[in-house]
N, C-alpha and C. Protein backbone atom coordinates (compact mmCIF):
# COMPACT_ATOMS: atom_id res chain seq x y z
N MET A 1 -25.71 45.18 -2.23
CA MET A 1 -25.58 45.77 -0.70
C MET A 1 -25.61 44.17 0.03
N LEU A 2 -24.48 44.02 0.66
CA LEU A 2 -24.41 42.77 1.46
C LEU A 2 -25.09 42.64 2.85
N ASN A 3 -25.87 41.73 3.22
CA ASN A 3 -26.83 42.10 4.67
C ASN A 3 -25.96 41.02 5.34
N ASN A 4 -25.23 41.27 6.44
CA ASN A 4 -24.64 40.43 7.43
C ASN A 4 -25.44 39.57 8.49
N THR A 5 -26.81 39.80 8.24
CA THR A 5 -27.55 39.01 9.25
C THR A 5 -27.61 37.52 8.98
N LEU A 6 -27.74 36.90 7.91
CA LEU A 6 -27.97 35.58 7.55
C LEU A 6 -27.10 34.96 6.67
N ILE A 7 -26.79 33.58 7.02
CA ILE A 7 -25.66 32.86 6.22
C ILE A 7 -26.19 31.35 6.23
N VAL A 8 -26.63 30.98 5.10
CA VAL A 8 -27.09 29.63 4.74
C VAL A 8 -26.07 28.59 4.28
N TYR A 9 -25.74 27.55 5.00
CA TYR A 9 -24.72 26.62 4.67
C TYR A 9 -25.49 25.59 4.09
N ARG A 10 -24.61 24.79 3.35
CA ARG A 10 -24.87 23.36 2.66
C ARG A 10 -26.18 22.72 3.55
N HIS A 11 -27.11 21.91 2.77
CA HIS A 11 -27.92 21.08 3.52
C HIS A 11 -27.50 19.76 3.21
N SER A 12 -27.94 18.83 3.94
CA SER A 12 -27.54 17.28 3.95
C SER A 12 -28.88 16.53 4.20
N PRO A 13 -29.06 15.45 3.38
CA PRO A 13 -28.22 15.02 2.24
C PRO A 13 -28.70 15.59 0.90
N GLU A 14 -28.01 15.59 -0.14
CA GLU A 14 -28.09 16.05 -1.49
C GLU A 14 -27.60 14.94 -2.16
N PRO A 15 -28.58 14.33 -3.17
CA PRO A 15 -30.15 14.50 -3.12
C PRO A 15 -30.74 14.14 -1.91
N ALA A 16 -31.84 14.54 -1.60
CA ALA A 16 -32.70 14.10 -0.54
C ALA A 16 -33.94 13.17 -0.78
N SER A 17 -34.29 12.38 -0.15
CA SER A 17 -35.47 11.58 -0.35
C SER A 17 -36.57 11.75 0.55
N ASP A 18 -36.49 11.94 1.85
CA ASP A 18 -37.65 12.01 2.76
C ASP A 18 -37.48 13.39 3.54
N THR A 19 -36.08 13.63 3.95
CA THR A 19 -35.98 14.96 4.81
C THR A 19 -34.46 15.52 4.35
N ALA A 20 -34.43 16.83 4.52
CA ALA A 20 -32.88 17.63 4.56
C ALA A 20 -32.84 18.28 5.48
N THR A 21 -31.57 18.35 6.10
CA THR A 21 -31.37 19.25 7.34
C THR A 21 -30.72 20.45 6.66
N VAL A 22 -31.33 21.82 6.96
CA VAL A 22 -30.77 22.99 6.63
C VAL A 22 -30.12 23.56 7.55
N ALA A 23 -28.77 24.22 7.50
CA ALA A 23 -28.11 24.74 8.58
C ALA A 23 -28.09 26.20 8.15
N TYR A 24 -28.19 27.09 9.10
CA TYR A 24 -28.21 28.55 9.09
C TYR A 24 -27.60 29.26 10.41
N GLU A 25 -26.90 30.66 10.09
CA GLU A 25 -26.37 31.16 10.95
C GLU A 25 -26.98 32.33 10.88
N LEU A 26 -27.44 33.07 12.28
CA LEU A 26 -27.97 34.66 12.35
C LEU A 26 -26.83 35.17 13.13
N ARG A 27 -26.57 36.26 12.56
CA ARG A 27 -25.52 37.24 12.90
C ARG A 27 -26.16 38.15 14.21
N LYS A 28 -27.38 38.27 14.37
CA LYS A 28 -28.07 38.91 15.11
C LYS A 28 -29.51 38.31 15.25
N SER A 29 -30.39 38.52 16.40
CA SER A 29 -31.79 37.57 16.65
C SER A 29 -32.46 38.12 15.63
N ALA A 30 -33.40 37.21 15.10
CA ALA A 30 -34.27 37.52 13.92
C ALA A 30 -35.59 36.65 13.97
N ASN A 31 -36.41 36.79 13.10
CA ASN A 31 -37.82 36.04 13.06
C ASN A 31 -37.29 35.50 11.78
N VAL A 32 -37.46 34.11 11.61
CA VAL A 32 -37.08 33.37 10.66
C VAL A 32 -38.16 32.64 10.04
N SER A 33 -38.32 32.54 8.47
CA SER A 33 -39.36 31.95 8.06
C SER A 33 -38.63 31.09 6.80
N LEU A 34 -39.21 29.94 6.41
CA LEU A 34 -38.74 29.02 5.35
C LEU A 34 -39.72 28.90 4.27
N LYS A 35 -39.42 28.85 2.89
CA LYS A 35 -40.52 28.46 1.73
C LYS A 35 -39.65 27.53 0.67
N LEU A 36 -40.51 26.58 0.41
CA LEU A 36 -39.95 25.47 -0.49
C LEU A 36 -40.96 25.82 -1.65
N TYR A 37 -39.98 26.20 -2.84
CA TYR A 37 -40.90 26.33 -4.29
C TYR A 37 -40.33 24.93 -5.33
N ASN A 38 -41.27 24.76 -6.09
CA ASN A 38 -40.97 23.74 -6.84
C ASN A 38 -40.42 24.49 -8.08
N ASN A 39 -40.14 23.80 -9.31
CA ASN A 39 -39.40 24.41 -10.38
C ASN A 39 -40.27 25.42 -11.32
N LEU A 40 -41.39 25.63 -10.85
CA LEU A 40 -42.34 26.40 -11.61
C LEU A 40 -42.44 27.46 -11.04
N GLY A 41 -41.96 27.80 -9.34
CA GLY A 41 -42.05 29.01 -8.75
C GLY A 41 -43.33 28.85 -7.83
N THR A 42 -44.07 27.65 -7.61
CA THR A 42 -45.21 27.45 -6.96
C THR A 42 -44.56 27.30 -5.42
N ILE A 43 -45.16 27.83 -4.60
CA ILE A 43 -44.94 27.16 -2.97
C ILE A 43 -45.39 26.29 -2.63
N MET A 44 -44.62 25.31 -2.22
CA MET A 44 -45.27 23.95 -1.74
C MET A 44 -45.07 23.77 -0.47
N THR A 45 -44.30 24.64 0.34
CA THR A 45 -44.23 24.45 2.08
C THR A 45 -43.77 26.17 2.49
N GLU A 46 -44.53 26.62 3.22
CA GLU A 46 -44.37 27.78 3.89
C GLU A 46 -44.73 27.74 5.42
N ARG A 47 -43.24 28.01 6.02
CA ARG A 47 -43.09 28.09 7.63
C ARG A 47 -42.57 29.09 8.23
N LYS A 48 -43.35 29.68 9.11
CA LYS A 48 -42.95 30.85 10.16
C LYS A 48 -41.89 30.08 11.16
N LEU A 49 -40.79 29.94 11.24
CA LEU A 49 -40.11 29.39 12.18
C LEU A 49 -39.95 30.19 13.53
N GLY A 50 -40.04 31.32 13.53
CA GLY A 50 -40.30 31.96 14.58
C GLY A 50 -38.89 32.82 14.97
N ALA A 51 -38.82 33.34 16.30
CA ALA A 51 -37.77 34.23 16.64
C ALA A 51 -36.67 33.22 17.05
N TYR A 52 -35.46 33.56 16.62
CA TYR A 52 -34.40 32.69 17.03
C TYR A 52 -33.24 33.67 17.50
N PRO A 53 -32.39 33.44 18.38
CA PRO A 53 -31.20 34.22 18.85
C PRO A 53 -30.28 33.94 18.02
N LYS A 54 -29.12 35.07 18.03
CA LYS A 54 -27.82 34.99 17.34
C LYS A 54 -27.22 33.41 17.51
N GLY A 55 -26.61 33.05 16.35
CA GLY A 55 -25.96 31.63 16.48
C GLY A 55 -26.42 30.81 15.35
N ARG A 56 -25.79 29.73 15.25
CA ARG A 56 -26.10 28.53 14.27
C ARG A 56 -27.48 27.93 14.62
N HIS A 57 -28.24 27.40 13.57
CA HIS A 57 -29.59 26.69 13.79
C HIS A 57 -29.45 25.68 12.75
N THR A 58 -30.48 24.90 12.75
CA THR A 58 -30.89 23.96 11.85
C THR A 58 -32.23 23.82 11.74
N VAL A 59 -32.92 23.40 10.75
CA VAL A 59 -34.16 23.06 10.33
C VAL A 59 -34.40 21.84 9.60
N VAL A 60 -35.13 20.95 9.74
CA VAL A 60 -35.40 19.72 8.93
C VAL A 60 -36.60 20.17 7.86
N LEU A 61 -36.12 19.76 6.58
CA LEU A 61 -37.16 20.31 5.49
C LEU A 61 -37.75 18.91 4.96
N GLU A 62 -39.10 18.79 5.04
CA GLU A 62 -39.70 17.38 4.63
C GLU A 62 -39.96 17.62 3.08
N VAL A 63 -39.45 16.58 2.57
CA VAL A 63 -39.57 16.53 1.27
C VAL A 63 -40.33 15.11 0.57
N ALA A 64 -40.52 14.16 1.56
CA ALA A 64 -41.08 13.12 1.22
C ALA A 64 -42.36 13.01 0.62
N ALA A 65 -43.09 13.85 0.45
CA ALA A 65 -44.54 14.06 -0.26
C ALA A 65 -44.29 14.37 -1.49
N TYR A 66 -43.27 15.13 -1.77
CA TYR A 66 -43.18 15.93 -3.13
C TYR A 66 -42.49 14.66 -4.42
N PRO A 67 -42.76 14.89 -5.63
CA PRO A 67 -42.25 14.42 -6.50
C PRO A 67 -40.73 14.80 -6.82
N GLU A 68 -40.15 13.50 -7.41
CA GLU A 68 -38.80 13.85 -7.62
C GLU A 68 -38.37 15.00 -8.68
N GLY A 69 -37.49 15.64 -8.32
CA GLY A 69 -37.21 16.97 -9.12
C GLY A 69 -36.16 17.99 -8.63
N MET A 70 -36.23 19.22 -9.12
CA MET A 70 -35.54 20.17 -8.36
C MET A 70 -36.37 21.18 -7.60
N TYR A 71 -36.07 21.74 -6.55
CA TYR A 71 -36.59 22.43 -5.85
C TYR A 71 -35.92 23.63 -5.44
N TYR A 72 -36.43 24.75 -4.76
CA TYR A 72 -35.46 25.75 -4.20
C TYR A 72 -36.14 26.24 -2.82
N TYR A 73 -35.33 26.25 -1.72
CA TYR A 73 -35.96 26.87 -0.49
C TYR A 73 -35.25 28.02 -0.33
N LEU A 74 -36.04 28.97 0.22
CA LEU A 74 -35.80 30.32 0.82
C LEU A 74 -35.98 30.57 1.97
N ILE A 75 -34.75 30.86 2.69
CA ILE A 75 -34.80 31.31 4.07
C ILE A 75 -34.86 32.75 4.16
N GLU A 76 -35.50 33.31 5.09
CA GLU A 76 -35.54 34.76 5.20
C GLU A 76 -35.25 35.09 6.74
N ALA A 77 -34.87 36.13 7.13
CA ALA A 77 -34.47 36.49 8.49
C ALA A 77 -34.58 38.11 8.56
N ASP A 78 -35.55 38.67 8.87
CA ASP A 78 -35.69 40.06 9.18
C ASP A 78 -35.31 40.96 8.14
N GLY A 79 -35.80 40.66 6.77
CA GLY A 79 -35.63 41.40 5.64
C GLY A 79 -34.25 40.61 4.78
N ALA A 80 -33.43 39.90 5.59
CA ALA A 80 -32.46 39.15 4.66
C ALA A 80 -32.92 37.97 4.18
N ALA A 81 -32.19 37.61 3.09
CA ALA A 81 -32.90 36.41 2.55
C ALA A 81 -31.86 35.49 1.72
N ALA A 82 -32.02 34.04 1.57
CA ALA A 82 -31.05 33.43 1.05
C ALA A 82 -31.91 32.16 0.25
N ILE A 83 -31.40 32.04 -1.02
CA ILE A 83 -32.03 30.93 -1.63
C ILE A 83 -31.10 29.67 -2.26
N ARG A 84 -31.37 28.57 -2.06
CA ARG A 84 -30.80 27.45 -2.41
C ARG A 84 -31.48 26.34 -3.16
N SER A 85 -30.83 25.47 -3.97
CA SER A 85 -31.66 24.39 -4.69
C SER A 85 -31.56 23.03 -3.82
N ILE A 86 -32.27 22.36 -4.07
CA ILE A 86 -32.48 21.01 -3.44
C ILE A 86 -32.90 20.18 -4.41
N THR A 87 -32.41 18.83 -4.39
CA THR A 87 -32.86 17.86 -5.32
C THR A 87 -33.65 16.63 -4.67
N VAL A 88 -34.70 16.46 -5.09
CA VAL A 88 -35.52 15.32 -4.46
C VAL A 88 -35.43 14.04 -5.23
N SER A 89 -34.74 12.73 -4.81
CA SER A 89 -34.70 11.76 -5.54
C SER A 89 -35.05 10.44 -4.61
N ARG A 90 -36.00 9.90 -5.27
CA ARG A 90 -36.26 8.45 -4.27
C ARG A 90 -35.12 7.37 -4.51
N SER A 91 -34.31 7.46 -5.44
CA SER A 91 -33.17 6.42 -5.73
C SER A 91 -31.87 6.88 -5.03
N VAL A 92 -32.03 7.68 -3.84
CA VAL A 92 -30.96 7.83 -3.02
C VAL A 92 -30.47 6.56 -2.14
N HIS A 93 -29.42 6.09 -2.46
CA HIS A 93 -28.90 4.91 -1.44
C HIS A 93 -27.94 5.52 -0.58
N ASP A 94 -27.24 6.51 -0.63
CA ASP A 94 -26.21 6.94 0.06
C ASP A 94 -26.71 8.25 0.95
N ALA A 95 -27.18 7.97 2.06
CA ALA A 95 -27.88 8.92 2.98
C ALA A 95 -26.65 10.05 3.32
N ASP A 96 -25.70 9.72 3.23
CA ASP A 96 -24.60 10.82 3.72
C ASP A 96 -23.94 11.68 2.63
N ALA A 97 -24.43 11.42 1.47
CA ALA A 97 -24.18 12.40 0.39
C ALA A 97 -24.63 13.72 0.62
N ALA A 98 -23.69 14.60 0.46
CA ALA A 98 -23.74 15.99 1.00
C ALA A 98 -23.22 17.00 0.24
N GLU A 99 -23.64 16.94 -1.41
CA GLU A 99 -23.33 17.92 -2.44
C GLU A 99 -24.62 18.72 -2.56
N VAL A 100 -24.47 20.25 -2.59
CA VAL A 100 -25.22 21.06 -3.06
C VAL A 100 -24.94 21.87 -4.14
N SER A 101 -26.08 22.25 -4.74
CA SER A 101 -25.82 23.36 -5.91
C SER A 101 -26.46 24.95 -5.43
N ASP A 102 -25.77 25.25 -4.99
CA ASP A 102 -26.14 26.67 -4.41
C ASP A 102 -26.11 27.73 -5.40
N VAL A 103 -27.36 28.63 -5.15
CA VAL A 103 -27.36 29.60 -6.45
C VAL A 103 -26.07 30.38 -6.67
N ASP A 104 -25.44 30.72 -5.49
CA ASP A 104 -23.81 31.40 -5.65
C ASP A 104 -22.94 30.64 -6.09
N ASP A 105 -22.98 29.31 -6.05
CA ASP A 105 -21.99 28.37 -6.26
C ASP A 105 -20.93 28.31 -4.83
N GLY A 106 -21.29 28.89 -3.89
CA GLY A 106 -20.34 28.97 -2.77
C GLY A 106 -20.83 27.84 -1.58
N GLU A 107 -19.97 27.62 -0.80
CA GLU A 107 -20.26 26.81 0.30
C GLU A 107 -21.32 27.49 1.39
N ALA A 108 -20.82 28.45 1.64
CA ALA A 108 -21.70 29.49 2.45
C ALA A 108 -21.70 31.02 1.81
N GLY A 109 -22.67 31.74 1.95
CA GLY A 109 -22.82 32.99 1.57
C GLY A 109 -23.47 34.08 2.28
N ASP A 110 -23.16 35.24 2.27
CA ASP A 110 -23.88 36.02 3.10
C ASP A 110 -25.26 36.70 2.14
N ALA A 111 -26.27 36.59 2.87
CA ALA A 111 -27.40 36.69 2.40
C ALA A 111 -27.57 38.18 1.88
N GLN A 112 -28.14 38.34 0.82
CA GLN A 112 -28.35 39.86 0.26
C GLN A 112 -29.65 40.40 0.51
N THR A 113 -30.02 41.61 0.66
CA THR A 113 -31.29 42.21 1.11
C THR A 113 -31.93 42.17 -0.33
N PRO A 114 -33.22 41.83 -0.20
CA PRO A 114 -34.17 41.55 -1.51
C PRO A 114 -34.29 43.04 -1.91
N ALA A 115 -34.59 43.34 -3.13
CA ALA A 115 -34.62 44.46 -3.98
C ALA A 115 -35.91 44.73 -4.15
């Protein structure tokens, strides 16, 4: 069942070395939170972002303290959730690179209600 509350767009840059900007859109006001997981499923960061109005928003994801590798961030908004992968690499020379590997391989996708 599709939930039309949350859309998560591509983050930038990819790969990230220090920070990445994650853009998302709320189709209605919602409480938003963000979690960053390593490839073993351990929560590395957990942030309650608070209540946001309908519309497009961004959040900066700090990754400078984490080792190179693949991570996953989960954005939740009042029961809707979307997860995306992010690569952390210290050998990034082009800060404008913006390719992301989405779980659903789409540029943007409607979030699905967690089962």
